[in-house]
Amino acid sequence: MHMAFPQSHHPDHSVPRVWTIDERLTIQGDVSAKGEIHIEGEVAGNVTADYVTIRGRLIGSVRAQGVTLHSNCYVAGDVYYHTLVIEPGAHFDGFSRSLVS
C-alpha cells in the first residue's frame, strides 16, 4: 500500500522536505505541510505548503510560495502564490492570485 511519505534530503533525516502523494493515492480533505508537496495522485481539498508541484489532480485551492502545474495535471480551484509556473497542456480551471504585496 502506498501512502503519502516524506523524502528527506536533510543529512540527519529529521526534517522532511518533500512530501509525495503517490499516483495511487486519493486524499479527501485538506493537506498542509512545511516544505514541499508533490501531488501525483488526487486531492479533493485545499493544499497549503511552502512549495507545491502538481502532476495529478487537485479539486480545491492551493496556497504556497511557489506553485508548479505540470503539463499532465488537472486543477479545479484557485491558486495563491508568490511564483507560479503553468506548463503547456496543464488543465487549470480557477483564479490565480499573487500573494506578493
N, C-alpha and C. Protein backbone atom coordinates (compact mmCIF):
# COMPACT_ATOMS: atom_id res chain seq x y z
N MET A 1 0.84 -1.17 0.00
CA MET A 1 0.00 0.00 0.00
C MET A 1 0.89 1.24 0.00
N HIS A 2 0.62 2.18 -0.88
CA HIS A 2 1.40 3.40 -0.97
C HIS A 2 0.64 4.53 -0.31
N MET A 3 1.35 5.30 0.47
CA MET A 3 0.77 6.43 1.19
C MET A 3 1.59 7.67 0.85
N ALA A 4 1.13 8.80 1.36
CA ALA A 4 1.97 9.99 1.28
C ALA A 4 3.16 9.74 2.18
N PHE A 5 4.36 10.08 1.72
CA PHE A 5 5.53 9.79 2.52
C PHE A 5 6.55 10.91 2.37
N PRO A 6 7.32 11.13 3.43
CA PRO A 6 8.34 12.18 3.35
C PRO A 6 9.59 11.64 2.67
N GLN A 7 10.25 12.49 1.93
CA GLN A 7 11.56 12.18 1.37
C GLN A 7 12.49 13.24 1.93
N SER A 8 13.37 12.85 2.81
CA SER A 8 14.24 13.83 3.44
C SER A 8 15.58 13.88 2.74
N HIS A 9 16.00 15.08 2.41
CA HIS A 9 17.33 15.29 1.86
C HIS A 9 18.24 15.90 2.93
N HIS A 10 17.71 16.04 4.11
CA HIS A 10 18.45 16.60 5.23
C HIS A 10 19.42 15.54 5.73
N PRO A 11 20.66 15.89 6.06
CA PRO A 11 21.66 14.89 6.45
C PRO A 11 21.24 13.99 7.59
N ASP A 12 20.51 14.51 8.58
CA ASP A 12 20.12 13.65 9.70
C ASP A 12 18.70 13.10 9.55
N HIS A 13 18.07 13.34 8.40
CA HIS A 13 16.73 12.83 8.08
C HIS A 13 15.66 13.28 9.05
N SER A 14 15.90 14.36 9.79
CA SER A 14 14.94 14.80 10.79
C SER A 14 13.88 15.74 10.23
N VAL A 15 14.15 16.36 9.10
CA VAL A 15 13.23 17.35 8.56
C VAL A 15 12.76 16.91 7.18
N PRO A 16 11.51 16.43 7.07
CA PRO A 16 11.03 16.08 5.73
C PRO A 16 10.90 17.34 4.89
N ARG A 17 11.49 17.32 3.73
CA ARG A 17 11.41 18.48 2.86
C ARG A 17 10.39 18.29 1.75
N VAL A 18 10.24 17.07 1.27
CA VAL A 18 9.32 16.81 0.16
C VAL A 18 8.36 15.70 0.57
N TRP A 19 7.07 16.01 0.50
CA TRP A 19 6.03 15.03 0.76
C TRP A 19 5.39 14.69 -0.58
N THR A 20 5.29 13.40 -0.91
CA THR A 20 4.73 12.98 -2.18
C THR A 20 3.42 12.26 -1.95
N ILE A 21 2.39 12.70 -2.67
CA ILE A 21 1.11 11.99 -2.69
C ILE A 21 1.15 11.14 -3.94
N ASP A 22 1.37 9.86 -3.75
CA ASP A 22 1.58 8.89 -4.82
C ASP A 22 0.41 8.84 -5.79
N GLU A 23 0.69 8.45 -7.04
CA GLU A 23 -0.35 8.39 -8.07
C GLU A 23 -1.45 7.38 -7.74
N ARG A 24 -1.22 6.48 -6.83
CA ARG A 24 -2.24 5.51 -6.44
C ARG A 24 -3.01 5.93 -5.20
N LEU A 25 -2.81 7.16 -4.77
CA LEU A 25 -3.42 7.64 -3.53
C LEU A 25 -4.42 8.75 -3.82
N THR A 26 -5.59 8.67 -3.20
CA THR A 26 -6.60 9.72 -3.26
C THR A 26 -6.84 10.21 -1.84
N ILE A 27 -6.76 11.52 -1.66
CA ILE A 27 -6.99 12.13 -0.35
C ILE A 27 -8.20 13.02 -0.45
N GLN A 28 -9.15 12.82 0.45
CA GLN A 28 -10.31 13.69 0.55
C GLN A 28 -10.19 14.46 1.85
N GLY A 29 -9.92 15.76 1.72
CA GLY A 29 -9.69 16.61 2.88
C GLY A 29 -8.51 17.51 2.63
N ASP A 30 -8.32 18.46 3.51
CA ASP A 30 -7.25 19.43 3.35
C ASP A 30 -5.90 18.81 3.69
N VAL A 31 -4.86 19.30 3.00
CA VAL A 31 -3.49 18.83 3.20
C VAL A 31 -2.62 20.04 3.49
N SER A 32 -1.81 19.96 4.55
CA SER A 32 -0.94 21.05 4.92
C SER A 32 0.39 20.48 5.37
N ALA A 33 1.48 21.12 4.94
CA ALA A 33 2.81 20.64 5.33
C ALA A 33 3.82 21.76 5.24
N LYS A 34 4.85 21.66 6.05
CA LYS A 34 6.01 22.53 5.89
C LYS A 34 6.90 21.86 4.85
N GLY A 35 7.51 22.65 4.01
CA GLY A 35 8.33 22.08 2.95
C GLY A 35 7.56 22.03 1.65
N GLU A 36 7.75 20.96 0.91
CA GLU A 36 7.21 20.85 -0.44
C GLU A 36 6.28 19.64 -0.56
N ILE A 37 5.18 19.83 -1.27
CA ILE A 37 4.24 18.74 -1.54
C ILE A 37 4.22 18.48 -3.04
N HIS A 38 4.39 17.22 -3.42
CA HIS A 38 4.23 16.80 -4.81
C HIS A 38 2.93 16.00 -4.89
N ILE A 39 2.02 16.46 -5.73
CA ILE A 39 0.75 15.75 -5.91
C ILE A 39 0.84 15.00 -7.23
N GLU A 40 0.95 13.69 -7.12
CA GLU A 40 0.96 12.83 -8.30
C GLU A 40 -0.34 12.03 -8.38
N GLY A 41 -1.02 11.94 -7.26
CA GLY A 41 -2.32 11.26 -7.18
C GLY A 41 -3.43 12.28 -7.26
N GLU A 42 -4.40 12.14 -6.35
CA GLU A 42 -5.57 13.02 -6.39
C GLU A 42 -5.86 13.57 -5.00
N VAL A 43 -6.16 14.86 -4.93
CA VAL A 43 -6.55 15.51 -3.68
C VAL A 43 -7.84 16.26 -3.93
N ALA A 44 -8.83 15.99 -3.09
CA ALA A 44 -10.08 16.76 -3.09
C ALA A 44 -10.11 17.53 -1.78
N GLY A 45 -9.55 18.72 -1.82
CA GLY A 45 -9.43 19.56 -0.63
C GLY A 45 -8.42 20.65 -0.90
N ASN A 46 -8.18 21.48 0.08
CA ASN A 46 -7.24 22.59 -0.06
C ASN A 46 -5.84 22.16 0.34
N VAL A 47 -4.83 22.69 -0.34
CA VAL A 47 -3.44 22.31 -0.10
C VAL A 47 -2.66 23.56 0.27
N THR A 48 -1.90 23.48 1.37
CA THR A 48 -1.06 24.57 1.83
C THR A 48 0.33 24.01 2.14
N ALA A 49 1.36 24.65 1.56
CA ALA A 49 2.75 24.25 1.80
C ALA A 49 3.65 25.38 1.36
N ASP A 50 4.95 25.20 1.57
CA ASP A 50 5.90 26.20 1.07
C ASP A 50 5.95 26.17 -0.46
N TYR A 51 6.00 24.97 -1.01
CA TYR A 51 6.02 24.77 -2.46
C TYR A 51 5.12 23.60 -2.81
N VAL A 52 4.41 23.73 -3.93
CA VAL A 52 3.50 22.66 -4.36
C VAL A 52 3.75 22.40 -5.85
N THR A 53 3.96 21.13 -6.18
CA THR A 53 4.11 20.68 -7.56
C THR A 53 2.99 19.71 -7.84
N ILE A 54 2.23 19.98 -8.92
CA ILE A 54 1.07 19.14 -9.22
C ILE A 54 1.27 18.45 -10.57
N ARG A 55 1.24 17.12 -10.53
CA ARG A 55 1.27 16.30 -11.74
C ARG A 55 -0.02 15.50 -11.86
N GLY A 56 -0.77 15.43 -10.76
CA GLY A 56 -2.02 14.66 -10.71
C GLY A 56 -3.22 15.58 -10.76
N ARG A 57 -4.19 15.31 -9.87
CA ARG A 57 -5.45 16.06 -9.85
C ARG A 57 -5.64 16.75 -8.49
N LEU A 58 -6.09 18.00 -8.56
CA LEU A 58 -6.45 18.74 -7.36
C LEU A 58 -7.79 19.40 -7.60
N ILE A 59 -8.75 19.08 -6.73
CA ILE A 59 -10.04 19.74 -6.72
C ILE A 59 -10.06 20.53 -5.41
N GLY A 60 -9.70 21.80 -5.48
CA GLY A 60 -9.59 22.65 -4.30
C GLY A 60 -8.54 23.71 -4.54
N SER A 61 -8.32 24.55 -3.57
CA SER A 61 -7.36 25.64 -3.74
C SER A 61 -5.98 25.22 -3.25
N VAL A 62 -4.98 25.97 -3.72
CA VAL A 62 -3.61 25.75 -3.28
C VAL A 62 -3.02 27.09 -2.88
N ARG A 63 -2.29 27.10 -1.77
CA ARG A 63 -1.64 28.31 -1.27
C ARG A 63 -0.20 27.93 -0.95
N ALA A 64 0.76 28.61 -1.66
CA ALA A 64 2.17 28.28 -1.47
C ALA A 64 3.04 29.41 -1.99
N GLN A 65 4.28 29.41 -1.54
CA GLN A 65 5.26 30.37 -2.07
C GLN A 65 5.45 30.13 -3.57
N GLY A 66 5.63 28.88 -3.94
CA GLY A 66 5.81 28.52 -5.33
C GLY A 66 4.87 27.40 -5.72
N VAL A 67 4.25 27.53 -6.89
CA VAL A 67 3.33 26.51 -7.39
C VAL A 67 3.73 26.17 -8.82
N THR A 68 3.83 24.88 -9.13
CA THR A 68 4.11 24.43 -10.49
C THR A 68 3.01 23.47 -10.92
N LEU A 69 2.37 23.79 -12.04
CA LEU A 69 1.34 22.94 -12.64
C LEU A 69 1.95 22.28 -13.87
N HIS A 70 2.19 20.97 -13.78
CA HIS A 70 2.81 20.25 -14.89
C HIS A 70 1.82 19.98 -16.01
N SER A 71 2.34 19.63 -17.17
CA SER A 71 1.54 19.52 -18.39
C SER A 71 0.41 18.49 -18.29
N ASN A 72 0.55 17.50 -17.47
CA ASN A 72 -0.47 16.46 -17.39
C ASN A 72 -1.40 16.61 -16.19
N CYS A 73 -1.36 17.75 -15.50
CA CYS A 73 -2.16 17.91 -14.29
C CYS A 73 -3.56 18.44 -14.59
N TYR A 74 -4.43 18.30 -13.59
CA TYR A 74 -5.79 18.85 -13.64
C TYR A 74 -6.02 19.57 -12.32
N VAL A 75 -6.30 20.86 -12.39
CA VAL A 75 -6.56 21.66 -11.19
C VAL A 75 -7.87 22.40 -11.38
N ALA A 76 -8.81 22.17 -10.48
CA ALA A 76 -10.08 22.91 -10.46
C ALA A 76 -10.15 23.61 -9.11
N GLY A 77 -9.71 24.85 -9.08
CA GLY A 77 -9.68 25.62 -7.85
C GLY A 77 -8.74 26.80 -7.99
N ASP A 78 -8.70 27.63 -6.99
CA ASP A 78 -7.89 28.83 -7.03
C ASP A 78 -6.47 28.57 -6.56
N VAL A 79 -5.54 29.36 -7.10
CA VAL A 79 -4.12 29.23 -6.75
C VAL A 79 -3.63 30.56 -6.20
N TYR A 80 -3.08 30.53 -5.00
CA TYR A 80 -2.49 31.69 -4.33
C TYR A 80 -0.99 31.44 -4.22
N TYR A 81 -0.16 32.35 -4.71
CA TYR A 81 1.26 32.05 -4.91
C TYR A 81 2.11 33.31 -4.84
N HIS A 82 3.42 33.09 -4.72
CA HIS A 82 4.42 34.14 -4.97
C HIS A 82 4.99 33.93 -6.36
N THR A 83 5.26 32.67 -6.72
CA THR A 83 5.69 32.34 -8.08
C THR A 83 4.80 31.21 -8.60
N LEU A 84 4.43 31.31 -9.87
CA LEU A 84 3.54 30.33 -10.48
C LEU A 84 4.09 29.95 -11.84
N VAL A 85 4.20 28.63 -12.08
CA VAL A 85 4.61 28.09 -13.37
C VAL A 85 3.49 27.18 -13.86
N ILE A 86 3.00 27.45 -15.07
CA ILE A 86 1.98 26.61 -15.69
C ILE A 86 2.55 26.10 -17.01
N GLU A 87 2.80 24.81 -17.08
CA GLU A 87 3.33 24.22 -18.31
C GLU A 87 2.24 24.10 -19.35
N PRO A 88 2.61 24.18 -20.64
CA PRO A 88 1.62 23.95 -21.70
C PRO A 88 0.98 22.57 -21.54
N GLY A 89 -0.32 22.51 -21.68
CA GLY A 89 -1.05 21.25 -21.54
C GLY A 89 -1.67 21.04 -20.17
N ALA A 90 -1.29 21.87 -19.20
CA ALA A 90 -1.89 21.77 -17.86
C ALA A 90 -3.33 22.24 -17.94
N HIS A 91 -4.23 21.57 -17.23
CA HIS A 91 -5.62 21.99 -17.17
C HIS A 91 -5.80 22.75 -15.85
N PHE A 92 -6.15 24.03 -15.96
CA PHE A 92 -6.33 24.88 -14.78
C PHE A 92 -7.63 25.64 -14.94
N ASP A 93 -8.58 25.33 -14.06
CA ASP A 93 -9.89 25.97 -14.07
C ASP A 93 -10.09 26.66 -12.73
N GLY A 94 -9.76 27.92 -12.66
CA GLY A 94 -9.87 28.68 -11.42
C GLY A 94 -9.22 30.03 -11.57
N PHE A 95 -9.04 30.72 -10.46
CA PHE A 95 -8.40 32.02 -10.45
C PHE A 95 -7.02 31.89 -9.87
N SER A 96 -6.11 32.75 -10.30
CA SER A 96 -4.78 32.79 -9.69
C SER A 96 -4.60 34.17 -9.08
N ARG A 97 -4.05 34.19 -7.87
CA ARG A 97 -3.84 35.42 -7.13
C ARG A 97 -2.43 35.43 -6.54
N SER A 98 -1.70 36.50 -6.84
CA SER A 98 -0.37 36.64 -6.28
C SER A 98 -0.46 37.05 -4.82
N LEU A 99 0.40 36.48 -4.00
CA LEU A 99 0.49 36.82 -2.58
C LEU A 99 1.49 37.94 -2.34
N VAL A 100 2.16 38.39 -3.40
CA VAL A 100 3.14 39.46 -3.30
C VAL A 100 2.41 40.77 -3.14
N SER A 101 2.79 41.53 -2.12
CA SER A 101 2.14 42.82 -1.85
C SER A 101 2.60 43.89 -2.80
